[in-house]
């Protein structure tokens, strides 16, 4: 099973750009881009909480568990 990051979907639904979200949660655009693409090994709960607060969503709206295709 793998975890897929759906941050880009939430940004589109909220009509918000990555730059604005990065500024509002206090991380760099580059780090946000890595998170959006799923190329990070982990995310701090504090960062996840700030993203959810700004986007008015739940962590489950941003992360999805997808079964491996075997």
Protein backbone atom coordinates (compact mmCIF):
# COMPACT_ATOMS: atom_id res chain seq x y z
CA UNK A 1 0.00 0.00 0.00
CA UNK A 2 1.21 3.49 -0.71
CA UNK A 3 0.12 6.93 0.44
CA UNK A 4 -0.85 9.39 -2.30
CA UNK A 5 -0.82 13.12 -1.58
CA UNK A 6 -3.91 14.94 -2.91
CA UNK A 7 -2.77 18.45 -1.97
CA UNK A 8 -3.01 19.66 -5.57
CA UNK A 9 -6.70 18.67 -5.66
CA UNK A 10 -7.46 20.63 -2.48
CA UNK A 11 -5.57 23.66 -3.77
CA UNK A 12 -7.63 23.58 -6.97
CA UNK A 13 -10.89 23.21 -5.03
CA UNK A 14 -9.96 26.19 -2.85
CA UNK A 15 -8.71 28.19 -5.87
CA UNK A 16 -5.42 28.80 -4.11
CA UNK A 17 -1.91 28.82 -5.54
CA UNK A 18 0.96 26.91 -4.01
CA UNK A 19 2.85 30.13 -3.35
CA UNK A 20 -0.01 31.53 -1.24
CA UNK A 21 -0.32 28.32 0.78
CA UNK A 22 3.43 28.17 1.36
CA UNK A 23 3.44 31.77 2.60
CA UNK A 24 0.46 31.20 4.90
CA UNK A 25 1.84 28.03 6.50
CA UNK A 26 5.43 29.23 6.72
CA UNK A 27 7.33 26.81 4.48
CA UNK A 28 9.19 27.34 1.22
CA UNK A 29 7.52 26.80 -2.13
CA UNK A 30 10.16 24.19 -2.90
CA UNK A 31 9.27 22.16 0.20
CA UNK A 32 5.57 22.47 -0.60
CA UNK A 33 6.26 21.29 -4.14
CA UNK A 34 8.10 18.23 -2.79
CA UNK A 35 5.15 17.49 -0.52
CA UNK A 36 2.63 17.90 -3.36
CA UNK A 37 4.55 15.50 -5.56
CA UNK A 38 4.84 12.89 -2.79
CA UNK A 39 8.65 12.98 -2.86
CA UNK A 40 9.00 13.37 0.89
CA UNK A 41 9.50 10.58 3.39
CA UNK A 42 7.44 12.30 6.07
CA UNK A 43 5.55 15.40 7.09
CA UNK A 44 5.39 17.01 10.51
CA UNK A 45 1.98 16.93 12.16
CA UNK A 46 2.39 20.65 12.82
CA UNK A 47 2.78 21.33 9.09
CA UNK A 48 -0.14 19.05 8.24
CA UNK A 49 -2.30 20.83 10.82
CA UNK A 50 -1.44 24.25 9.37
CA UNK A 51 -2.25 23.07 5.85
CA UNK A 52 -5.60 21.72 7.05
CA UNK A 53 -6.34 24.95 8.91
CA UNK A 54 -5.62 27.15 5.89
CA UNK A 55 -7.44 24.89 3.41
CA UNK A 56 -10.27 24.17 5.87
CA UNK A 57 -10.02 20.42 5.41
CA UNK A 58 -9.14 17.21 7.23
CA UNK A 59 -5.88 15.22 6.84
CA UNK A 60 -7.89 12.52 5.05
CA UNK A 61 -8.75 15.07 2.35
CA UNK A 62 -5.02 15.44 1.62
CA UNK A 63 -3.77 11.88 1.99
CA UNK A 64 -5.11 8.68 0.47
CA UNK A 65 -4.01 5.08 1.00
CA UNK A 66 -3.92 3.25 -2.33
CA UNK A 67 -3.36 -0.51 -2.58
CA UNK A 68 -0.32 -1.65 -4.56
CA UNK A 69 -1.17 -3.03 -7.96
CA UNK A 70 0.21 -6.57 -7.96
